[in-house]
Amino acid sequence: MGQLNRITQEPDVMGGKACIRGMRVTVGMIVGQIGAGHSVDEILADYPYLEREDIMQALRYAAWLAEEREVVLASA
């Protein structure tokens, strides 16, 4: 995940959710905005402290999470 260097998770920021560069902007918020039909340019206009690469990494991180598999271990 080296290419996701803008995604941070800190227990004291937004309850440990994945955020953009330690700010109080979560990956979920970015993905939700895209899912609601907002363009990258609209998000950048609404949040001028974000950069285009922040949004691209948020989308890559969300895609990576969606591909993750959960392995259920048998009970002993």
Protein backbone atom coordinates (compact mmCIF):
# COMPACT_ATOMS: atom_id res chain seq x y z
CA MET A 1 0.00 0.00 0.00
CA GLY A 2 2.95 2.34 -0.49
CA GLN A 3 1.11 4.21 -3.22
CA LEU A 4 -1.54 5.19 -0.63
CA ASN A 5 0.69 7.49 1.38
CA ARG A 6 -2.05 10.12 1.77
CA ILE A 7 -4.40 7.76 3.60
CA THR A 8 -3.90 7.87 7.36
CA GLN A 9 -5.53 6.16 10.31
CA GLU A 10 -4.99 7.63 13.75
CA PRO A 11 -7.04 6.66 16.82
CA ASP A 12 -7.52 10.29 17.85
CA VAL A 13 -8.70 11.53 14.42
CA MET A 14 -12.28 10.68 13.42
CA GLY A 15 -12.28 7.61 15.65
CA GLY A 16 -9.54 5.88 13.69
CA LYS A 17 -11.35 5.95 10.35
CA ALA A 18 -9.25 6.19 7.20
CA CYS A 19 -8.67 9.90 6.56
CA ILE A 20 -6.93 12.12 4.05
CA ARG A 21 -3.50 13.28 5.27
CA GLY A 22 -4.52 13.27 8.94
CA MET A 23 -7.34 15.75 8.32
CA ARG A 24 -10.91 15.30 9.46
CA VAL A 25 -11.93 14.24 5.95
CA THR A 26 -12.64 10.53 5.73
CA VAL A 27 -12.25 8.23 2.77
CA GLY A 28 -15.91 7.33 3.25
CA MET A 29 -16.92 10.96 2.86
CA ILE A 30 -15.00 11.25 -0.41
CA VAL A 31 -16.39 7.99 -1.79
CA GLY A 32 -19.88 8.99 -0.68
CA GLN A 33 -19.61 12.28 -2.55
CA ILE A 34 -18.53 10.49 -5.73
CA GLY A 35 -21.33 7.95 -5.28
CA ALA A 36 -23.84 10.79 -4.91
CA GLY A 37 -22.84 12.06 -8.34
CA HIS A 38 -20.42 14.85 -7.42
CA SER A 39 -17.44 15.25 -9.71
CA VAL A 40 -13.85 15.42 -8.54
CA ASP A 41 -13.80 19.09 -9.52
CA GLU A 42 -16.90 19.78 -7.41
CA ILE A 43 -15.32 18.11 -4.39
CA LEU A 44 -12.13 20.09 -4.88
CA ALA A 45 -14.16 23.31 -5.04
CA ASP A 46 -16.07 22.41 -1.86
CA TYR A 47 -12.90 21.36 -0.01
CA PRO A 48 -10.11 23.64 -1.31
CA TYR A 49 -7.56 22.11 1.08
CA LEU A 50 -7.84 18.76 -0.74
CA GLU A 51 -5.79 17.88 -3.79
CA ARG A 52 -6.78 15.75 -6.76
CA GLU A 53 -4.37 12.99 -5.67
CA ASP A 54 -6.12 12.88 -2.26
CA ILE A 55 -9.36 11.94 -3.99
CA MET A 56 -7.69 9.45 -6.33
CA GLN A 57 -6.00 7.70 -3.39
CA ALA A 58 -9.28 7.63 -1.46
CA LEU A 59 -10.90 5.85 -4.40
CA ARG A 60 -7.98 3.41 -4.75
CA TYR A 61 -8.12 2.68 -1.01
CA ALA A 62 -11.87 2.03 -1.18
CA ALA A 63 -11.37 -0.29 -4.17
CA TRP A 64 -8.65 -2.16 -2.30
CA LEU A 65 -10.96 -2.62 0.71
CA ALA A 66 -13.75 -3.88 -1.54
CA GLU A 67 -11.44 -6.56 -2.93
CA GLU A 68 -10.26 -7.70 0.49
CA ARG A 69 -11.34 -11.18 1.52
CA GLU A 70 -12.33 -12.21 5.00
CA VAL A 71 -11.26 -15.72 5.94
CA VAL A 72 -13.45 -17.39 8.53
CA LEU A 73 -11.51 -19.74 10.76
CA ALA A 74 -13.12 -22.91 12.05
CA SER A 75 -13.94 -22.98 15.76
CA ALA A 76 -11.81 -25.20 17.92
